[in-house]
Amino acid sequence: MISFTQFLFPDGRKKIITIDRPQEIQDKYDDLASQGFRFEIENNRGEIWATCQRSEDETVDVIGVNDATVPVLIDKLISNAWEIYILKEIK
């Protein structure tokens, strides 16, 4: 399970949400989480903004519509962050 902290509008309350993704994405998520990255998501009037961040300088964001494409958006976020921050350490 991939976990995100969701910030709820209008007051910014936090809620933990999860999503099941293929094992390849789960493995990348696990690598990132073990390196201290956190995952956050906001849903504002039908727009999704998902973030993978370890510091101000180490951030990957994706923005999309809150519809059936959200799982693809999450896969893109995790894969991009993994390629930028984990894969470069492996090479």
C-alpha atoms as a PDB file:
ATOM      1  CA  MET A   1       0.000   0.000   0.000  1.00  0.00           C
ATOM      2  CA  ILE A   2       1.171   3.456  -0.895  1.00  0.00           C
ATOM      3  CA  SER A   3       0.323   6.068   1.727  1.00  0.00           C
ATOM      4  CA  PHE A   4      -0.198   9.788   1.280  1.00  0.00           C
ATOM      5  CA  THR A   5      -0.966  12.527   3.746  1.00  0.00           C
ATOM      6  CA  GLN A   6      -3.991  14.314   2.333  1.00  0.00           C
ATOM      7  CA  PHE A   7      -4.654  17.896   3.333  1.00  0.00           C
ATOM      8  CA  LEU A   8      -8.367  18.623   3.472  1.00  0.00           C
ATOM      9  CA  PHE A   9      -9.841  21.969   2.560  1.00  0.00           C
ATOM     10  CA  PRO A  10     -10.772  24.452   3.823  1.00  0.00           C
ATOM     11  CA  ASP A  11      -8.854  24.108   7.085  1.00  0.00           C
ATOM     12  CA  GLY A  12      -5.912  21.876   6.120  1.00  0.00           C
ATOM     13  CA  ARG A  13      -6.826  18.925   8.327  1.00  0.00           C
ATOM     14  CA  LYS A  14      -4.646  15.871   7.636  1.00  0.00           C
ATOM     15  CA  LYS A  15      -5.888  12.437   6.652  1.00  0.00           C
ATOM     16  CA  ILE A  16      -3.867   9.365   5.651  1.00  0.00           C
ATOM     17  CA  ILE A  17      -5.060   7.788   2.404  1.00  0.00           C
ATOM     18  CA  THR A  18      -3.732   4.706   0.631  1.00  0.00           C
ATOM     19  CA  ILE A  19      -3.732   3.327  -2.883  1.00  0.00           C
ATOM     20  CA  ASP A  20      -2.743  -0.080  -4.259  1.00  0.00           C
ATOM     21  CA  ARG A  21      -0.356   0.028  -7.213  1.00  0.00           C
ATOM     22  CA  PRO A  22       1.632  -2.587  -9.150  1.00  0.00           C
ATOM     23  CA  GLN A  23       4.603  -4.145  -7.385  1.00  0.00           C
ATOM     24  CA  GLU A  24       7.124  -2.190  -9.492  1.00  0.00           C
ATOM     25  CA  ILE A  25       5.626   1.105  -8.287  1.00  0.00           C
ATOM     26  CA  GLN A  26       5.356  -0.203  -4.714  1.00  0.00           C
ATOM     27  CA  ASP A  27       9.056  -1.103  -4.756  1.00  0.00           C
ATOM     28  CA  LYS A  28      10.007   2.380  -5.948  1.00  0.00           C
ATOM     29  CA  TYR A  29       7.764   3.914  -3.275  1.00  0.00           C
ATOM     30  CA  ASP A  30       9.440   1.749  -0.625  1.00  0.00           C
ATOM     31  CA  ASP A  31      12.899   2.875  -1.814  1.00  0.00           C
ATOM     32  CA  LEU A  32      11.879   6.522  -1.619  1.00  0.00           C
ATOM     33  CA  ALA A  33      10.155   6.176   1.765  1.00  0.00           C
ATOM     34  CA  SER A  34      13.212   4.409   3.204  1.00  0.00           C
ATOM     35  CA  GLN A  35      15.313   7.418   2.124  1.00  0.00           C
ATOM     36  CA  GLY A  36      13.078   9.834   4.037  1.00  0.00           C
ATOM     37  CA  PHE A  37      10.775  11.015   1.275  1.00  0.00           C
ATOM     38  CA  ARG A  38       7.217  11.861   2.271  1.00  0.00           C
ATOM     39  CA  PHE A  39       4.151  11.802   0.077  1.00  0.00           C
ATOM     40  CA  GLU A  40       1.403  14.390   0.216  1.00  0.00           C
ATOM     41  CA  ILE A  41      -1.704  15.017  -1.853  1.00  0.00           C
ATOM     42  CA  GLU A  42      -4.231  17.832  -2.077  1.00  0.00           C
ATOM     43  CA  ASN A  43      -7.602  17.797  -3.779  1.00  0.00           C
ATOM     44  CA  ASN A  44      -8.820  21.286  -4.512  1.00  0.00           C
ATOM     45  CA  ARG A  45     -12.024  21.625  -6.519  1.00  0.00           C
ATOM     46  CA  GLY A  46     -11.358  18.541  -8.597  1.00  0.00           C
ATOM     47  CA  GLU A  47      -7.662  19.193  -9.154  1.00  0.00           C
ATOM     48  CA  ILE A  48      -5.099  16.847  -7.611  1.00  0.00           C
ATOM     49  CA  TRP A  49      -1.652  18.030  -6.594  1.00  0.00           C
ATOM     50  CA  ALA A  50       0.624  15.189  -5.427  1.00  0.00           C
ATOM     51  CA  THR A  51       4.106  15.708  -4.016  1.00  0.00           C
ATOM     52  CA  CYS A  52       7.071  13.523  -3.137  1.00  0.00           C
ATOM     53  CA  GLN A  53       9.505  15.504  -1.010  1.00  0.00           C
ATOM     54  CA  ARG A  54      12.500  15.031   1.238  1.00  0.00           C
ATOM     55  CA  SER A  55      13.569  18.680   1.423  1.00  0.00           C
ATOM     56  CA  GLU A  56      12.868  22.003  -0.265  1.00  0.00           C
ATOM     57  CA  ASP A  57      15.499  21.129  -2.881  1.00  0.00           C
ATOM     58  CA  GLU A  58      14.330  17.545  -3.367  1.00  0.00           C
ATOM     59  CA  THR A  59      10.744  17.741  -4.554  1.00  0.00           C
ATOM     60  CA  VAL A  60       8.736  16.209  -7.385  1.00  0.00           C
ATOM     61  CA  ASP A  61       5.166  17.373  -8.057  1.00  0.00           C
ATOM     62  CA  VAL A  62       2.432  16.268 -10.416  1.00  0.00           C
ATOM     63  CA  ILE A  63      -0.883  17.976 -11.044  1.00  0.00           C
ATOM     64  CA  GLY A  64      -3.950  16.420 -12.612  1.00  0.00           C
ATOM     65  CA  VAL A  65      -7.692  16.002 -12.525  1.00  0.00           C
ATOM     66  CA  ASN A  66      -9.404  14.014  -9.766  1.00  0.00           C
ATOM     67  CA  ASP A  67     -10.799  11.281 -11.983  1.00  0.00           C
ATOM     68  CA  ALA A  68      -9.954   7.755 -13.129  1.00  0.00           C
ATOM     69  CA  THR A  69      -6.452   8.905 -14.165  1.00  0.00           C
ATOM     70  CA  VAL A  70      -5.292   9.465 -10.562  1.00  0.00           C
ATOM     71  CA  PRO A  71      -3.522   6.051 -10.358  1.00  0.00           C
ATOM     72  CA  VAL A  72      -1.528   6.931 -13.503  1.00  0.00           C
ATOM     73  CA  LEU A  73      -0.657  10.289 -11.928  1.00  0.00           C
ATOM     74  CA  ILE A  74       0.594   8.541  -8.787  1.00  0.00           C
ATOM     75  CA  ASP A  75       2.678   6.112 -10.861  1.00  0.00           C
ATOM     76  CA  LYS A  76       4.219   9.054 -12.719  1.00  0.00           C
ATOM     77  CA  LEU A  77       5.042  10.879  -9.465  1.00  0.00           C
ATOM     78  CA  ILE A  78       6.723   7.872  -7.885  1.00  0.00           C
ATOM     79  CA  SER A  79       8.580   6.806 -11.036  1.00  0.00           C
ATOM     80  CA  ASN A  80       9.871  10.321 -11.702  1.00  0.00           C
ATOM     81  CA  ALA A  81      11.036  10.806  -8.110  1.00  0.00           C
ATOM     82  CA  TRP A  82      12.681   7.372  -8.082  1.00  0.00           C
ATOM     83  CA  GLU A  83      14.546   8.081 -11.342  1.00  0.00           C
ATOM     84  CA  ILE A  84      15.735  11.494 -10.127  1.00  0.00           C
ATOM     85  CA  TYR A  85      16.740  10.642  -6.557  1.00  0.00           C
ATOM     86  CA  ILE A  86      17.274   6.881  -6.253  1.00  0.00           C
ATOM     87  CA  LEU A  87      18.437   5.746  -9.689  1.00  0.00           C
ATOM     88  CA  LYS A  88      21.190   8.395  -9.814  1.00  0.00           C
ATOM     89  CA  GLU A  89      22.565   7.028  -6.521  1.00  0.00           C
ATOM     90  CA  ILE A  90      22.639   3.506  -7.948  1.00  0.00           C
ATOM     91  CA  LYS A  91      24.641   4.520 -11.041  1.00  0.00           C
END
